[in-house]
Amino acid sequence: MDPAGLLVDMGTFAAGALTLLFVRFPNLSFRRREENFRSEIRNGRQFITRRPGLRAALRFFVIDHVFHTLGFAVITPMLLVEQPASVLGLALGTGGVGGLTGSALFGGLSPLVSTLLFQAIGSVWPTIGLLIGMCVLSIVCVLAAPQHTDDV
């Protein structure tokens, strides 16, 4: 790994750790309930089933994570079969830039607009940004790949 990249990683980690040291966490008078495992599961299930928004979010994230897991499990070997590791880094980096751009565009808006967008369409824009970035990069990689000819 590049020493400059390692220094950036260490710096961002230190900034996050220092931020946590200076943040005051409120005491919300948390009290621990004495429940057995079955009653905890039952109460947790009731908590989720009584809240339709939470159910919808869970459904969305389960489906989203299944497809992301499949995609990321397949993209690495598919790219490395035909392309060097630098193309894989470019593909994953472009996906990250797409996700970051989508988050910044729709998460950086005013709180009212962000809330309205989240209620209207859900939190799908970072995913759409990621998918668009990956699709564009895939097309670029296919067009830039050396052409194989079958000489018989």
Foldseek 3Di string as FASTA:
>chain_A
DDPVVVVVVVVVVVVVVVVVVPDDDDCPVDDDDDDDPVVVVVVVVVVQVVDVVSVVVVVVVVVVVVVVVVVVVPPVVVCVVQHPVVLVVVLVVLLVVLLVVQCCVQVVDDPVSNVVCCVVPNDCRSVVSSVVSNVVSVVVCVVPGDDDDDDD
